[in-house]
Amino acid sequence: MTAPDNPTGPHQFGNAEANLRFLDATGALTSNPEILEIGTGTGGMLHALRERGARAQGVELNAGRIAESQLWFGDLPIQQVSGIELPFPAASFDLVLSFDVFEHIKDSDAHLREVHRVLRPGGLYLVQTPNKWLNA
């Protein structure tokens, strides 16, 4: 692998700092849940969660972003996916996260069914997506 194009850090998507504050405010991390991040991108959020001791892994469509995450953060547990299907058994996670991804999913109903499948009973799906009406 070659050095990253950006010497100051990986390309970031969304606002990781705000997303971490949101997670802290929900209290969802206090019970040390098994976490899945959908749309891991270059790994910034996943890395931050794992630095906090979270049992977290991710999935990402873009192989280039997975490679970039490895350059910056080492061997993060990220699996490449090619669509809606998640490569995990049913009831694998207590918490599923999706930040700045949901608006890109063409079949949101199928996506929600798949998230429901991998969530344990009583699990949470926390979603952050831009507001298309306010462009915020």
C-alpha atoms as a PDB file:
ATOM      1  CA  MET A   1       0.000   0.000   0.000  1.00  0.00           C
ATOM      2  CA  THR A   2       1.149   3.518  -0.675  1.00  0.00           C
ATOM      3  CA  ALA A   3       0.990   6.540   1.598  1.00  0.00           C
ATOM      4  CA  PRO A   4      -2.378   8.298   1.793  1.00  0.00           C
ATOM      5  CA  ASP A   5      -3.006  11.237  -0.559  1.00  0.00           C
ATOM      6  CA  ASN A   6      -3.937  13.438   2.403  1.00  0.00           C
ATOM      7  CA  PRO A   7      -1.064  13.700   4.909  1.00  0.00           C
ATOM      8  CA  THR A   8      -3.312  15.320   7.546  1.00  0.00           C
ATOM      9  CA  GLY A   9      -5.739  12.422   7.942  1.00  0.00           C
ATOM     10  CA  PRO A  10      -8.323  10.290   6.182  1.00  0.00           C
ATOM     11  CA  HIS A  11     -11.148  11.785   4.154  1.00  0.00           C
ATOM     12  CA  GLN A  12     -13.985  12.288   6.625  1.00  0.00           C
ATOM     13  CA  PHE A  13     -17.683  11.929   5.919  1.00  0.00           C
ATOM     14  CA  GLY A  14     -20.232  13.695   8.117  1.00  0.00           C
ATOM     15  CA  ASN A  15     -19.381  15.089  11.527  1.00  0.00           C
ATOM     16  CA  ALA A  16     -17.803  12.357  13.657  1.00  0.00           C
ATOM     17  CA  GLU A  17     -17.481  14.601  16.692  1.00  0.00           C
ATOM     18  CA  ALA A  18     -21.207  15.455  16.613  1.00  0.00           C
ATOM     19  CA  ASN A  19     -22.083  11.802  16.038  1.00  0.00           C
ATOM     20  CA  LEU A  20     -20.027  10.741  19.079  1.00  0.00           C
ATOM     21  CA  ARG A  21     -21.778  13.412  21.192  1.00  0.00           C
ATOM     22  CA  PHE A  22     -25.112  12.065  19.927  1.00  0.00           C
ATOM     23  CA  LEU A  23     -24.113   8.513  20.909  1.00  0.00           C
ATOM     24  CA  ASP A  24     -23.030   9.683  24.343  1.00  0.00           C
ATOM     25  CA  ALA A  25     -26.322  11.537  24.814  1.00  0.00           C
ATOM     26  CA  THR A  26     -28.371   8.447  23.942  1.00  0.00           C
ATOM     27  CA  GLY A  27     -26.656   6.330  26.596  1.00  0.00           C
ATOM     28  CA  ALA A  28     -26.547   3.503  24.033  1.00  0.00           C
ATOM     29  CA  LEU A  29     -22.856   2.831  24.675  1.00  0.00           C
ATOM     30  CA  THR A  30     -23.072   2.412  28.444  1.00  0.00           C
ATOM     31  CA  SER A  31     -23.909  -1.302  28.393  1.00  0.00           C
ATOM     32  CA  ASN A  32     -20.914  -2.218  26.156  1.00  0.00           C
ATOM     33  CA  PRO A  33     -23.103  -3.349  23.252  1.00  0.00           C
ATOM     34  CA  GLU A  34     -22.024  -5.338  20.214  1.00  0.00           C
ATOM     35  CA  ILE A  35     -22.050  -2.613  17.494  1.00  0.00           C
ATOM     36  CA  LEU A  36     -22.321  -2.646  13.711  1.00  0.00           C
ATOM     37  CA  GLU A  37     -21.560   0.534  11.780  1.00  0.00           C
ATOM     38  CA  ILE A  38     -23.124   0.576   8.317  1.00  0.00           C
ATOM     39  CA  GLY A  39     -21.179   2.712   5.864  1.00  0.00           C
ATOM     40  CA  THR A  40     -17.883   2.822   7.734  1.00  0.00           C
ATOM     41  CA  GLY A  41     -16.214   4.949   5.074  1.00  0.00           C
ATOM     42  CA  THR A  42     -12.557   5.530   5.917  1.00  0.00           C
ATOM     43  CA  GLY A  43     -12.986   4.176   9.437  1.00  0.00           C
ATOM     44  CA  GLY A  44     -12.902   7.315  11.597  1.00  0.00           C
ATOM     45  CA  MET A  45     -16.032   6.560  13.639  1.00  0.00           C
ATOM     46  CA  LEU A  46     -15.234   2.859  13.941  1.00  0.00           C
ATOM     47  CA  HIS A  47     -11.719   3.690  15.107  1.00  0.00           C
ATOM     48  CA  ALA A  48     -13.047   6.189  17.689  1.00  0.00           C
ATOM     49  CA  LEU A  49     -15.537   3.639  19.014  1.00  0.00           C
ATOM     50  CA  ARG A  50     -12.889   0.932  19.315  1.00  0.00           C
ATOM     51  CA  GLU A  51     -10.494   3.360  21.035  1.00  0.00           C
ATOM     52  CA  ARG A  52     -13.234   3.833  23.638  1.00  0.00           C
ATOM     53  CA  GLY A  53     -13.271   0.057  24.139  1.00  0.00           C
ATOM     54  CA  ALA A  54     -16.430  -0.625  22.118  1.00  0.00           C
ATOM     55  CA  ARG A  55     -16.977  -4.025  20.528  1.00  0.00           C
ATOM     56  CA  ALA A  56     -17.599  -2.585  17.076  1.00  0.00           C
ATOM     57  CA  GLN A  57     -17.227  -3.656  13.470  1.00  0.00           C
ATOM     58  CA  GLY A  58     -18.297  -2.159  10.199  1.00  0.00           C
ATOM     59  CA  VAL A  59     -19.430  -2.725   6.651  1.00  0.00           C
ATOM     60  CA  GLU A  60     -18.613  -0.604   3.614  1.00  0.00           C
ATOM     61  CA  LEU A  61     -19.437  -0.749  -0.106  1.00  0.00           C
ATOM     62  CA  ASN A  62     -16.297   0.990  -1.354  1.00  0.00           C
ATOM     63  CA  ALA A  63     -13.097  -1.085  -1.324  1.00  0.00           C
ATOM     64  CA  GLY A  64     -10.980   2.065  -1.702  1.00  0.00           C
ATOM     65  CA  ARG A  65     -12.386   3.488   1.510  1.00  0.00           C
ATOM     66  CA  ILE A  66     -11.648   0.231   3.326  1.00  0.00           C
ATOM     67  CA  ALA A  67      -8.063   0.359   2.049  1.00  0.00           C
ATOM     68  CA  GLU A  68      -7.738   3.971   3.207  1.00  0.00           C
ATOM     69  CA  SER A  69      -9.066   3.025   6.648  1.00  0.00           C
ATOM     70  CA  GLN A  70      -6.319   0.399   6.902  1.00  0.00           C
ATOM     71  CA  LEU A  71      -3.650   2.952   6.004  1.00  0.00           C
ATOM     72  CA  TRP A  72      -4.767   5.303   8.760  1.00  0.00           C
ATOM     73  CA  PHE A  73      -6.051   2.957  11.459  1.00  0.00           C
ATOM     74  CA  GLY A  74      -4.573  -0.486  10.796  1.00  0.00           C
ATOM     75  CA  ASP A  75      -6.604  -3.647  10.615  1.00  0.00           C
ATOM     76  CA  LEU A  76     -10.101  -2.431  11.519  1.00  0.00           C
ATOM     77  CA  PRO A  77     -12.826  -5.099  11.375  1.00  0.00           C
ATOM     78  CA  ILE A  78     -14.567  -3.885   8.212  1.00  0.00           C
ATOM     79  CA  GLN A  79     -16.221  -6.202   5.707  1.00  0.00           C
ATOM     80  CA  GLN A  80     -16.959  -5.128   2.170  1.00  0.00           C
ATOM     81  CA  VAL A  81     -20.598  -5.541   1.167  1.00  0.00           C
ATOM     82  CA  SER A  82     -22.142  -5.199  -2.260  1.00  0.00           C
ATOM     83  CA  GLY A  83     -25.712  -4.291  -1.430  1.00  0.00           C
ATOM     84  CA  ILE A  84     -28.422  -4.514   1.177  1.00  0.00           C
ATOM     85  CA  GLU A  85     -27.508  -7.956   2.571  1.00  0.00           C
ATOM     86  CA  LEU A  86     -25.422  -7.918   5.726  1.00  0.00           C
ATOM     87  CA  PRO A  87     -22.918 -10.795   6.148  1.00  0.00           C
ATOM     88  CA  PHE A  88     -23.928 -11.635   9.718  1.00  0.00           C
ATOM     89  CA  PRO A  89     -26.241 -14.143  11.375  1.00  0.00           C
ATOM     90  CA  ALA A  90     -29.604 -13.025  12.715  1.00  0.00           C
ATOM     91  CA  ALA A  91     -29.592 -11.303  16.115  1.00  0.00           C
ATOM     92  CA  SER A  92     -25.850 -10.480  16.032  1.00  0.00           C
ATOM     93  CA  PHE A  93     -25.887  -6.874  17.291  1.00  0.00           C
ATOM     94  CA  ASP A  94     -27.261  -4.797  20.139  1.00  0.00           C
ATOM     95  CA  LEU A  95     -26.698  -1.540  18.289  1.00  0.00           C
ATOM     96  CA  VAL A  96     -26.567  -0.694  14.592  1.00  0.00           C
ATOM     97  CA  LEU A  97     -25.339   2.749  13.525  1.00  0.00           C
ATOM     98  CA  SER A  98     -25.766   4.515  10.221  1.00  0.00           C
ATOM     99  CA  PHE A  99     -24.481   8.079   9.847  1.00  0.00           C
ATOM    100  CA  ASP A 100     -24.873   9.907   6.511  1.00  0.00           C
ATOM    101  CA  VAL A 101     -25.734   6.673   4.686  1.00  0.00           C
ATOM    102  CA  PHE A 102     -29.505   6.155   4.755  1.00  0.00           C
ATOM    103  CA  GLU A 103     -30.132   8.856   2.129  1.00  0.00           C
ATOM    104  CA  HIS A 104     -28.023   6.854  -0.355  1.00  0.00           C
ATOM    105  CA  ILE A 105     -29.937   3.582   0.048  1.00  0.00           C
ATOM    106  CA  LYS A 106     -32.289   2.934  -2.879  1.00  0.00           C
ATOM    107  CA  ASP A 107     -34.479   0.298  -1.212  1.00  0.00           C
ATOM    108  CA  SER A 108     -34.864   1.649   2.303  1.00  0.00           C
ATOM    109  CA  ASP A 109     -37.569  -0.892   3.193  1.00  0.00           C
ATOM    110  CA  ALA A 110     -35.273  -3.828   2.356  1.00  0.00           C
ATOM    111  CA  HIS A 111     -32.460  -2.138   4.265  1.00  0.00           C
ATOM    112  CA  LEU A 112     -34.635  -1.724   7.358  1.00  0.00           C
ATOM    113  CA  ARG A 113     -35.700  -5.376   7.185  1.00  0.00           C
ATOM    114  CA  GLU A 114     -32.049  -6.441   7.026  1.00  0.00           C
ATOM    115  CA  VAL A 115     -31.077  -4.218   9.963  1.00  0.00           C
ATOM    116  CA  HIS A 116     -33.993  -5.658  11.933  1.00  0.00           C
ATOM    117  CA  ARG A 117     -32.751  -9.170  11.099  1.00  0.00           C
ATOM    118  CA  VAL A 118     -29.251  -8.572  12.526  1.00  0.00           C
ATOM    119  CA  LEU A 119     -30.475  -6.715  15.623  1.00  0.00           C
ATOM    120  CA  ARG A 120     -30.982  -8.644  18.838  1.00  0.00           C
ATOM    121  CA  PRO A 121     -34.375  -8.324  20.547  1.00  0.00           C
ATOM    122  CA  GLY A 122     -34.503  -4.899  22.173  1.00  0.00           C
ATOM    123  CA  GLY A 123     -31.618  -3.673  19.986  1.00  0.00           C
ATOM    124  CA  LEU A 124     -31.390  -0.135  18.629  1.00  0.00           C
ATOM    125  CA  TYR A 125     -30.854   1.292  15.157  1.00  0.00           C
ATOM    126  CA  LEU A 126     -29.488   4.823  15.386  1.00  0.00           C
ATOM    127  CA  VAL A 127     -29.657   6.758  12.128  1.00  0.00           C
ATOM    128  CA  GLN A 128     -28.435  10.221  11.243  1.00  0.00           C
ATOM    129  CA  THR A 129     -29.242  11.604   7.826  1.00  0.00           C
ATOM    130  CA  PRO A 130     -29.347  15.113   6.340  1.00  0.00           C
ATOM    131  CA  ASN A 131     -32.683  16.893   6.248  1.00  0.00           C
ATOM    132  CA  LYS A 132     -33.487  17.182   2.526  1.00  0.00           C
ATOM    133  CA  TRP A 133     -36.086  19.895   3.092  1.00  0.00           C
ATOM    134  CA  LEU A 134     -33.717  22.195   4.966  1.00  0.00           C
ATOM    135  CA  ASN A 135     -30.512  21.062   3.228  1.00  0.00           C
ATOM    136  CA  ALA A 136     -28.916  20.724   6.666  1.00  0.00           C
END
